[in-house]
Amino acid sequence: MTLNLVTLIILITVVLSYIAFSNRELLYKLLLWPYRMKREPAEYYRMLTSGFVHGDVPHLAVNMITFYFFGNALQRILTNTQFLLLYCIAIIVANIPSAIRHRDRYERMALGASGGVAAVVFAFIYLAPWEPIYLFFILKIPAILFAVAYVIYSYVMKGKDTRIGHEAHLWGALFGFFFMAVVVDPTHGKLFIEQIKAIPYFK
């Protein structure tokens, strides 16, 4: 039995995060720390590794459960190479704003796979914009409406000083959409537009 790419990424993320919960030295070596990166260019690996550690169990669980469902649906369409590029580059892209903005603030650090997960969710929405998404496993809404609300909320919240990386969510989501339109979809957007026009009847 071979592991698919989604399961493999989840296993790596869960193991590293679990170890990092009790190993602060490992945690501080892997998380995004712009202040150190500016002064130690060799530590720019943090742009990627920060997506494989999490702050606590709920943070890890929400990201990995979301990634599991959307990732498995998406991997039926993308090649392994496309999927891996989408996920890893999205983590890096999502970290760029924080890496620039906080490069002179010693105390500002970030971690988590949210940017990569957001990219996977929005890549799925690109392919199936009217597919229902169950918010909190209860509220059924069309994927495209969730996407619009998600982008607006992340944009509004990105400047606020909270523990949640709304800016990373926003850039990860936008990158997922961009990746599908440029790299995966041979029509470069026409497929998405045609699907948007085909509004289904509400059942």
Protein backbone atom coordinates (compact mmCIF):
# COMPACT_ATOMS: atom_id res chain seq x y z
CA MET A 1 0.00 0.00 0.00
CA THR A 2 1.45 3.36 -1.02
CA LEU A 3 0.67 6.62 0.73
CA ASN A 4 -0.81 9.36 -1.38
CA LEU A 5 0.77 12.80 -1.28
CA VAL A 6 -1.92 14.34 0.92
CA THR A 7 -1.52 11.64 3.57
CA LEU A 8 2.26 11.94 3.43
CA ILE A 9 2.17 15.72 3.92
CA ILE A 10 -0.25 15.32 6.82
CA LEU A 11 1.98 12.70 8.48
CA ILE A 12 5.08 14.88 8.15
CA THR A 13 3.23 17.93 9.47
CA VAL A 14 1.65 16.09 12.41
CA VAL A 15 4.92 14.45 13.45
CA LEU A 16 6.98 17.66 13.21
CA SER A 17 4.29 19.70 14.97
CA TYR A 18 3.91 17.12 17.75
CA ILE A 19 7.66 17.02 18.36
CA ALA A 20 7.85 20.81 18.27
CA PHE A 21 5.11 21.11 20.92
CA SER A 22 7.62 19.95 23.51
CA ASN A 23 10.88 20.77 21.73
CA ARG A 24 11.15 24.55 21.69
CA GLU A 25 14.58 24.44 20.08
CA LEU A 26 13.18 22.65 17.04
CA LEU A 27 10.17 24.95 16.96
CA TYR A 28 12.31 28.09 16.89
CA LYS A 29 14.47 26.61 14.14
CA LEU A 30 11.51 25.94 11.85
CA LEU A 31 9.02 28.77 12.38
CA LEU A 32 8.98 32.00 10.38
CA TRP A 33 11.17 34.56 12.13
CA PRO A 34 11.74 37.57 9.83
CA TYR A 35 14.09 39.33 12.24
CA ARG A 36 16.55 36.41 12.19
CA MET A 37 16.13 35.84 8.47
CA LYS A 38 17.17 39.40 7.69
CA ARG A 39 20.35 38.94 9.70
CA GLU A 40 20.98 35.30 8.76
CA PRO A 41 20.16 34.81 5.05
CA ALA A 42 20.85 31.09 5.38
CA GLU A 43 17.68 30.85 7.45
CA TYR A 44 15.34 31.70 4.59
CA TYR A 45 14.42 28.00 4.62
CA ARG A 46 11.93 29.13 7.31
CA MET A 47 9.71 30.47 4.53
CA LEU A 48 8.77 26.84 3.83
CA THR A 49 9.44 24.95 7.07
CA SER A 50 7.13 27.21 9.07
CA GLY A 51 4.24 25.55 7.24
CA PHE A 52 5.04 22.19 8.84
CA VAL A 53 4.83 23.23 12.51
CA HIS A 54 1.85 24.53 14.49
CA GLY A 55 1.25 26.37 17.72
CA ASP A 56 -1.18 23.92 19.34
CA VAL A 57 -3.42 20.93 18.69
CA PRO A 58 -6.55 22.88 17.56
CA HIS A 59 -4.42 24.90 15.09
CA LEU A 60 -2.95 21.68 13.70
CA ALA A 61 -6.27 19.81 13.64
CA VAL A 62 -8.24 22.50 11.77
CA ASN A 63 -5.55 22.86 9.12
CA MET A 64 -5.02 19.13 8.58
CA ILE A 65 -8.72 18.18 8.53
CA THR A 66 -9.41 20.90 5.97
CA PHE A 67 -6.36 19.86 3.97
CA TYR A 68 -7.39 16.20 4.04
CA PHE A 69 -10.83 16.74 2.52
CA PHE A 70 -9.97 19.36 -0.07
CA GLY A 71 -6.53 17.93 -0.81
CA ASN A 72 -7.84 14.47 -1.64
CA ALA A 73 -10.51 15.93 -3.91
CA LEU A 74 -7.94 18.08 -5.69
CA GLN A 75 -5.33 15.37 -6.05
CA ARG A 76 -7.66 13.38 -8.28
CA ILE A 77 -7.18 16.10 -10.88
CA LEU A 78 -3.64 17.43 -10.35
CA THR A 79 -0.45 15.47 -10.86
CA ASN A 80 1.72 14.87 -7.80
CA THR A 81 4.19 17.46 -9.08
CA GLN A 82 1.48 20.07 -9.60
CA PHE A 83 -0.01 19.41 -6.18
CA LEU A 84 3.33 19.59 -4.38
CA LEU A 85 4.27 22.82 -6.18
CA LEU A 86 0.89 24.35 -5.37
CA TYR A 87 1.14 23.55 -1.67
CA CYS A 88 4.79 24.39 -1.05
CA ILE A 89 4.95 27.56 -3.14
CA ALA A 90 1.71 28.76 -1.53
CA ILE A 91 3.27 28.47 1.93
CA ILE A 92 6.23 30.55 0.75
CA VAL A 93 4.09 33.15 -1.04
CA ALA A 94 1.78 33.47 1.97
CA ASN A 95 4.79 34.19 4.20
CA ILE A 96 6.28 36.95 2.03
CA PRO A 97 4.22 39.88 3.43
CA SER A 98 5.07 38.96 7.04
CA ALA A 99 8.72 38.38 6.17
CA ILE A 100 8.93 41.89 4.73
CA ARG A 101 6.73 43.74 7.22
CA HIS A 102 8.22 42.28 10.40
CA ARG A 103 11.90 41.99 9.47
CA ASP A 104 12.85 44.55 12.13
CA ARG A 105 10.58 43.24 14.88
CA TYR A 106 12.36 40.67 17.03
CA GLU A 107 9.19 39.39 18.69
CA ARG A 108 7.16 38.72 15.52
CA MET A 109 7.09 35.08 14.46
CA ALA A 110 4.61 32.96 12.56
CA LEU A 111 3.90 29.31 11.92
CA GLY A 112 1.30 27.00 10.45
CA ALA A 113 0.13 25.55 7.13
CA SER A 114 -2.77 27.99 6.68
CA GLY A 115 -1.34 29.60 3.52
CA GLY A 116 -0.86 26.24 1.82
CA VAL A 117 -4.24 24.96 2.98
CA ALA A 118 -6.00 28.11 1.75
CA ALA A 119 -4.37 27.60 -1.65
CA VAL A 120 -5.65 24.03 -1.83
CA VAL A 121 -9.18 25.12 -0.86
CA PHE A 122 -9.25 27.87 -3.48
CA ALA A 123 -7.75 25.61 -6.14
CA PHE A 124 -10.68 23.27 -5.51
CA ILE A 125 -13.13 26.20 -5.69
CA TYR A 126 -11.62 27.20 -9.04
CA LEU A 127 -12.55 23.78 -10.42
CA ALA A 128 -15.95 23.47 -8.75
CA PRO A 129 -17.24 26.94 -7.82
CA TRP A 130 -20.83 25.84 -7.21
CA GLU A 131 -19.96 22.74 -5.22
CA PRO A 132 -21.50 23.00 -1.73
CA ILE A 133 -19.16 23.54 1.21
CA TYR A 134 -20.35 22.70 4.70
CA LEU A 135 -19.18 25.44 7.04
CA PHE A 136 -18.56 23.98 10.50
CA PHE A 137 -19.93 20.73 8.99
CA ILE A 138 -23.46 22.21 9.21
CA LEU A 139 -24.04 25.33 7.10
CA LYS A 140 -24.28 24.50 3.39
CA ILE A 141 -23.15 27.28 1.04
CA PRO A 142 -21.84 27.35 -2.57
CA ALA A 143 -18.05 27.26 -2.69
CA ILE A 144 -17.80 30.50 -4.67
CA LEU A 145 -19.80 32.43 -2.06
CA PHE A 146 -17.55 31.05 0.66
CA ALA A 147 -14.55 32.19 -1.41
CA VAL A 148 -15.85 35.75 -1.74
CA ALA A 149 -16.64 35.99 1.98
CA TYR A 150 -13.26 34.48 2.88
CA VAL A 151 -11.32 36.98 0.76
CA ILE A 152 -13.28 39.97 2.07
CA TYR A 153 -12.92 38.87 5.69
CA SER A 154 -9.18 38.15 5.34
CA TYR A 155 -8.61 41.51 3.64
CA VAL A 156 -10.49 43.42 6.34
CA MET A 157 -8.72 41.57 9.15
CA LYS A 158 -5.20 41.47 7.72
CA GLY A 159 -4.13 44.79 9.23
CA LYS A 160 -5.38 43.97 12.71
CA ASP A 161 -2.96 42.83 15.37
CA THR A 162 -4.31 39.35 16.13
CA ARG A 163 -2.68 35.95 16.57
CA ILE A 164 -4.28 34.77 13.32
CA GLY A 165 -2.33 35.27 10.09
CA HIS A 166 -5.18 36.66 7.98
CA GLU A 167 -2.72 38.10 5.48
CA ALA A 168 -1.17 34.66 4.95
CA HIS A 169 -4.66 33.22 4.44
CA LEU A 170 -5.44 35.87 1.85
CA TRP A 171 -2.25 35.47 -0.17
CA GLY A 172 -2.39 31.69 0.01
CA ALA A 173 -5.95 31.72 -1.30
CA LEU A 174 -5.16 34.12 -4.13
CA PHE A 175 -2.11 32.10 -5.10
CA GLY A 176 -4.17 28.89 -5.26
CA PHE A 177 -6.56 30.56 -7.69
CA PHE A 178 -3.69 32.03 -9.74
CA PHE A 179 -1.87 28.68 -9.90
CA MET A 180 -4.91 26.90 -11.28
CA ALA A 181 -5.58 29.57 -13.92
CA VAL A 182 -1.97 29.81 -15.10
CA VAL A 183 -0.44 26.37 -14.56
CA VAL A 184 -3.23 23.79 -14.53
CA ASP A 185 -6.13 25.12 -16.62
CA PRO A 186 -5.25 25.06 -20.35
CA THR A 187 -8.00 27.62 -21.02
CA HIS A 188 -6.41 30.04 -18.49
CA GLY A 189 -9.63 31.13 -16.85
CA LYS A 190 -12.27 30.44 -19.48
CA LEU A 191 -13.20 27.17 -17.78
CA PHE A 192 -13.84 28.97 -14.49
CA ILE A 193 -15.91 31.71 -16.14
CA GLU A 194 -18.06 29.14 -17.96
CA GLN A 195 -18.71 27.32 -14.69
CA ILE A 196 -19.65 30.56 -12.95
CA LYS A 197 -22.18 31.28 -15.70
CA ALA A 198 -23.76 27.85 -15.21
CA ILE A 199 -25.55 28.74 -11.99
CA PRO A 200 -27.31 25.59 -10.80
CA TYR A 201 -30.90 25.55 -9.63
CA PHE A 202 -31.17 25.54 -5.88
CA LYS A 203 -32.46 22.27 -4.59
